[in-house]
Amino acid sequence: MSKDENSMSAKIFSLQAELLWASVPPAVRPTLLGNVWCGQCRTAVEIVDYSGKEKAGDLILQGRCAVCDGRVARLIETADRQNPLI
């Protein structure tokens, strides 16, 4: 992961997270990175200084709020799921 990907500072990604991030269309990535909920600001913000990891087949981005520097995270669901209610 390059430091300047989409002009937002990226950090370390696990190998699994790197593969999941690569599967996200490049045109969609800025939207995902620029639309992260910040509990302190109580609004959607841009995530900066983020890292990525995989958990249960999903991608988790963890980083800082570009506005208040608080901790934020973004879950990007990528795992195949079957809805048991349907």
N, C-alpha and C. Protein backbone atom coordinates (compact mmCIF):
# COMPACT_ATOMS: atom_id res chain seq x y z
N MET A 1 0.86 -1.17 0.00
CA MET A 1 0.00 0.00 0.00
C MET A 1 0.90 1.22 0.00
N SER A 2 0.69 2.08 -0.94
CA SER A 2 1.52 3.28 -1.04
C SER A 2 1.08 4.31 -0.01
N LYS A 3 2.01 5.12 0.42
CA LYS A 3 1.74 6.15 1.43
C LYS A 3 0.74 7.18 0.94
N ASP A 4 0.71 7.44 -0.39
CA ASP A 4 -0.14 8.50 -0.92
C ASP A 4 -1.37 7.99 -1.66
N GLU A 5 -1.79 6.77 -1.41
CA GLU A 5 -2.97 6.22 -2.09
C GLU A 5 -4.16 7.14 -1.87
N ASN A 6 -4.73 7.62 -2.95
CA ASN A 6 -5.91 8.48 -2.93
C ASN A 6 -5.71 9.71 -2.06
N SER A 7 -4.49 10.19 -1.93
CA SER A 7 -4.11 11.39 -1.18
C SER A 7 -4.45 11.31 0.31
N MET A 8 -4.73 10.12 0.80
CA MET A 8 -4.98 9.92 2.22
C MET A 8 -3.89 9.00 2.73
N SER A 9 -3.32 9.30 3.86
CA SER A 9 -2.14 8.57 4.30
C SER A 9 -2.49 7.17 4.79
N ALA A 10 -1.97 6.17 4.09
CA ALA A 10 -2.17 4.78 4.45
C ALA A 10 -0.95 4.27 5.20
N LYS A 11 -1.18 3.32 6.08
CA LYS A 11 -0.10 2.72 6.84
C LYS A 11 0.05 1.26 6.43
N ILE A 12 0.10 0.39 7.39
CA ILE A 12 0.39 -1.02 7.17
C ILE A 12 -0.89 -1.82 6.99
N PHE A 13 -0.87 -2.69 5.99
CA PHE A 13 -1.97 -3.61 5.75
C PHE A 13 -1.44 -5.02 5.88
N SER A 14 -2.21 -5.91 6.49
CA SER A 14 -1.85 -7.32 6.48
C SER A 14 -1.99 -7.81 5.04
N LEU A 15 -1.40 -8.94 4.74
CA LEU A 15 -1.48 -9.48 3.38
C LEU A 15 -2.93 -9.72 2.98
N GLN A 16 -3.72 -10.31 3.88
CA GLN A 16 -5.12 -10.57 3.58
C GLN A 16 -5.89 -9.26 3.35
N ALA A 17 -5.60 -8.26 4.18
CA ALA A 17 -6.27 -6.96 4.04
C ALA A 17 -5.87 -6.29 2.73
N GLU A 18 -4.61 -6.42 2.35
CA GLU A 18 -4.14 -5.85 1.08
C GLU A 18 -4.90 -6.45 -0.10
N LEU A 19 -5.10 -7.77 -0.05
CA LEU A 19 -5.84 -8.44 -1.13
C LEU A 19 -7.30 -7.99 -1.16
N LEU A 20 -7.91 -7.85 0.01
CA LEU A 20 -9.30 -7.40 0.06
C LEU A 20 -9.43 -5.96 -0.44
N TRP A 21 -8.49 -5.09 -0.05
CA TRP A 21 -8.51 -3.69 -0.49
C TRP A 21 -8.32 -3.62 -2.00
N ALA A 22 -7.47 -4.48 -2.54
CA ALA A 22 -7.24 -4.50 -3.99
C ALA A 22 -8.49 -4.93 -4.75
N SER A 23 -9.38 -5.66 -4.08
CA SER A 23 -10.61 -6.09 -4.75
C SER A 23 -11.68 -5.00 -4.78
N VAL A 24 -11.48 -3.93 -4.01
CA VAL A 24 -12.41 -2.80 -4.02
C VAL A 24 -12.09 -1.95 -5.24
N PRO A 25 -13.08 -1.64 -6.07
CA PRO A 25 -12.81 -0.83 -7.27
C PRO A 25 -12.15 0.50 -6.90
N PRO A 26 -11.10 0.88 -7.63
CA PRO A 26 -10.39 2.13 -7.32
C PRO A 26 -11.29 3.36 -7.26
N ALA A 27 -12.34 3.39 -8.06
CA ALA A 27 -13.24 4.55 -8.06
C ALA A 27 -14.07 4.63 -6.78
N VAL A 28 -14.21 3.52 -6.07
CA VAL A 28 -15.03 3.47 -4.85
C VAL A 28 -14.21 3.80 -3.61
N ARG A 29 -12.92 3.57 -3.66
CA ARG A 29 -12.06 3.74 -2.49
C ARG A 29 -12.14 5.13 -1.85
N PRO A 30 -12.08 6.23 -2.63
CA PRO A 30 -12.17 7.56 -2.00
C PRO A 30 -13.48 7.77 -1.25
N THR A 31 -14.57 7.19 -1.75
CA THR A 31 -15.86 7.31 -1.07
C THR A 31 -15.82 6.60 0.27
N LEU A 32 -15.24 5.40 0.29
CA LEU A 32 -15.14 4.64 1.54
C LEU A 32 -14.25 5.35 2.56
N LEU A 33 -13.14 5.90 2.10
CA LEU A 33 -12.20 6.57 2.99
C LEU A 33 -12.71 7.93 3.47
N GLY A 34 -13.55 8.56 2.69
CA GLY A 34 -14.05 9.88 3.04
C GLY A 34 -15.39 9.87 3.74
N ASN A 35 -15.89 8.67 4.07
CA ASN A 35 -17.21 8.55 4.68
C ASN A 35 -17.13 7.58 5.86
N VAL A 36 -16.42 7.99 6.91
CA VAL A 36 -16.22 7.18 8.10
C VAL A 36 -16.83 7.92 9.29
N TRP A 37 -17.61 7.20 10.10
CA TRP A 37 -18.28 7.84 11.23
C TRP A 37 -17.29 8.13 12.34
N CYS A 38 -17.32 9.36 12.86
CA CYS A 38 -16.51 9.75 14.01
C CYS A 38 -17.46 10.01 15.18
N GLY A 39 -17.28 9.25 16.25
CA GLY A 39 -18.14 9.40 17.43
C GLY A 39 -17.94 10.72 18.15
N GLN A 40 -16.73 11.30 18.06
CA GLN A 40 -16.49 12.58 18.72
C GLN A 40 -17.08 13.74 17.92
N CYS A 41 -16.89 13.71 16.60
CA CYS A 41 -17.43 14.77 15.75
C CYS A 41 -18.93 14.58 15.48
N ARG A 42 -19.39 13.35 15.65
CA ARG A 42 -20.78 12.98 15.40
C ARG A 42 -21.21 13.27 13.97
N THR A 43 -20.31 12.94 13.05
CA THR A 43 -20.60 13.10 11.63
C THR A 43 -19.64 12.22 10.84
N ALA A 44 -19.88 12.11 9.55
CA ALA A 44 -18.98 11.37 8.67
C ALA A 44 -17.76 12.23 8.38
N VAL A 45 -16.59 11.61 8.44
CA VAL A 45 -15.32 12.31 8.25
C VAL A 45 -14.42 11.48 7.34
N GLU A 46 -13.27 12.03 7.03
CA GLU A 46 -12.23 11.33 6.28
C GLU A 46 -11.32 10.59 7.27
N ILE A 47 -10.95 9.35 6.94
CA ILE A 47 -10.02 8.60 7.76
C ILE A 47 -8.60 8.85 7.24
N VAL A 48 -7.67 9.12 8.15
CA VAL A 48 -6.27 9.34 7.79
C VAL A 48 -5.39 8.45 8.66
N ASP A 49 -4.15 8.28 8.25
CA ASP A 49 -3.19 7.44 8.98
C ASP A 49 -3.79 6.08 9.32
N TYR A 50 -4.38 5.45 8.31
CA TYR A 50 -5.10 4.21 8.54
C TYR A 50 -4.26 2.98 8.21
N SER A 51 -4.64 1.90 8.86
CA SER A 51 -4.06 0.59 8.57
C SER A 51 -5.23 -0.35 8.31
N GLY A 52 -4.93 -1.51 7.74
CA GLY A 52 -5.98 -2.45 7.41
C GLY A 52 -5.68 -3.84 7.92
N LYS A 53 -6.75 -4.51 8.35
CA LYS A 53 -6.62 -5.91 8.74
C LYS A 53 -7.88 -6.65 8.31
N GLU A 54 -7.75 -7.96 8.25
CA GLU A 54 -8.87 -8.81 7.87
C GLU A 54 -9.40 -9.49 9.11
N LYS A 55 -10.72 -9.55 9.23
CA LYS A 55 -11.34 -10.28 10.33
C LYS A 55 -12.60 -10.94 9.81
N ALA A 56 -12.65 -12.25 9.92
CA ALA A 56 -13.80 -13.05 9.47
C ALA A 56 -14.14 -12.78 8.00
N GLY A 57 -13.12 -12.54 7.20
CA GLY A 57 -13.32 -12.32 5.77
C GLY A 57 -13.67 -10.90 5.39
N ASP A 58 -13.79 -10.01 6.37
CA ASP A 58 -14.11 -8.61 6.11
C ASP A 58 -12.86 -7.75 6.31
N LEU A 59 -12.85 -6.58 5.70
CA LEU A 59 -11.75 -5.64 5.81
C LEU A 59 -12.07 -4.59 6.85
N ILE A 60 -11.15 -4.36 7.78
CA ILE A 60 -11.32 -3.33 8.80
C ILE A 60 -10.21 -2.31 8.63
N LEU A 61 -10.60 -1.06 8.42
CA LEU A 61 -9.64 0.04 8.36
C LEU A 61 -9.70 0.77 9.70
N GLN A 62 -8.54 0.96 10.32
CA GLN A 62 -8.46 1.68 11.59
C GLN A 62 -7.51 2.84 11.42
N GLY A 63 -7.93 4.01 11.89
CA GLY A 63 -7.09 5.18 11.73
C GLY A 63 -7.56 6.33 12.58
N ARG A 64 -7.34 7.54 12.08
CA ARG A 64 -7.65 8.77 12.80
C ARG A 64 -8.63 9.63 12.01
N CYS A 65 -9.44 10.36 12.72
CA CYS A 65 -10.35 11.34 12.13
C CYS A 65 -9.53 12.52 11.62
N ALA A 66 -9.81 12.95 10.41
CA ALA A 66 -9.09 14.08 9.83
C ALA A 66 -9.46 15.41 10.49
N VAL A 67 -10.57 15.44 11.22
CA VAL A 67 -11.02 16.68 11.85
C VAL A 67 -10.51 16.81 13.28
N CYS A 68 -10.77 15.79 14.12
CA CYS A 68 -10.45 15.90 15.55
C CYS A 68 -9.29 15.01 15.99
N ASP A 69 -8.78 14.19 15.09
CA ASP A 69 -7.68 13.28 15.37
C ASP A 69 -8.08 12.13 16.30
N GLY A 70 -9.38 11.93 16.49
CA GLY A 70 -9.85 10.81 17.29
C GLY A 70 -9.74 9.50 16.52
N ARG A 71 -9.83 8.39 17.24
CA ARG A 71 -9.74 7.08 16.61
C ARG A 71 -11.05 6.75 15.89
N VAL A 72 -10.93 6.26 14.65
CA VAL A 72 -12.10 5.84 13.87
C VAL A 72 -11.79 4.52 13.19
N ALA A 73 -12.83 3.84 12.76
CA ALA A 73 -12.67 2.59 12.04
C ALA A 73 -13.77 2.47 10.99
N ARG A 74 -13.47 1.73 9.94
CA ARG A 74 -14.44 1.49 8.87
C ARG A 74 -14.45 0.00 8.57
N LEU A 75 -15.61 -0.62 8.64
CA LEU A 75 -15.78 -2.03 8.28
C LEU A 75 -16.26 -2.09 6.85
N ILE A 76 -15.55 -2.84 6.04
CA ILE A 76 -15.95 -3.05 4.65
C ILE A 76 -16.26 -4.53 4.51
N GLU A 77 -17.55 -4.84 4.41
CA GLU A 77 -17.96 -6.23 4.33
C GLU A 77 -17.60 -6.81 2.98
N THR A 78 -16.83 -7.88 3.03
CA THR A 78 -16.41 -8.54 1.79
C THR A 78 -16.71 -10.02 1.83
N ALA A 79 -16.97 -10.57 3.00
CA ALA A 79 -17.19 -12.00 3.14
C ALA A 79 -18.55 -12.38 2.57
N ASP A 80 -18.60 -13.58 1.98
CA ASP A 80 -19.88 -14.09 1.52
C ASP A 80 -20.72 -14.45 2.73
N ARG A 81 -21.94 -13.96 2.73
CA ARG A 81 -22.82 -14.22 3.86
C ARG A 81 -24.14 -14.78 3.33
N GLN A 82 -24.70 -15.67 4.12
CA GLN A 82 -26.03 -16.17 3.82
C GLN A 82 -26.93 -15.71 4.94
N ASN A 83 -28.01 -15.07 4.58
CA ASN A 83 -28.95 -14.56 5.56
C ASN A 83 -29.86 -15.70 6.01
N PRO A 84 -29.75 -16.13 7.27
CA PRO A 84 -30.57 -17.25 7.73
C PRO A 84 -32.04 -16.91 7.86
N LEU A 85 -32.38 -15.63 7.79
CA LEU A 85 -33.78 -15.22 7.92
C LEU A 85 -34.55 -15.30 6.61
N ILE A 86 -33.85 -15.46 5.51
CA ILE A 86 -34.53 -15.48 4.20
C ILE A 86 -34.87 -16.90 3.83
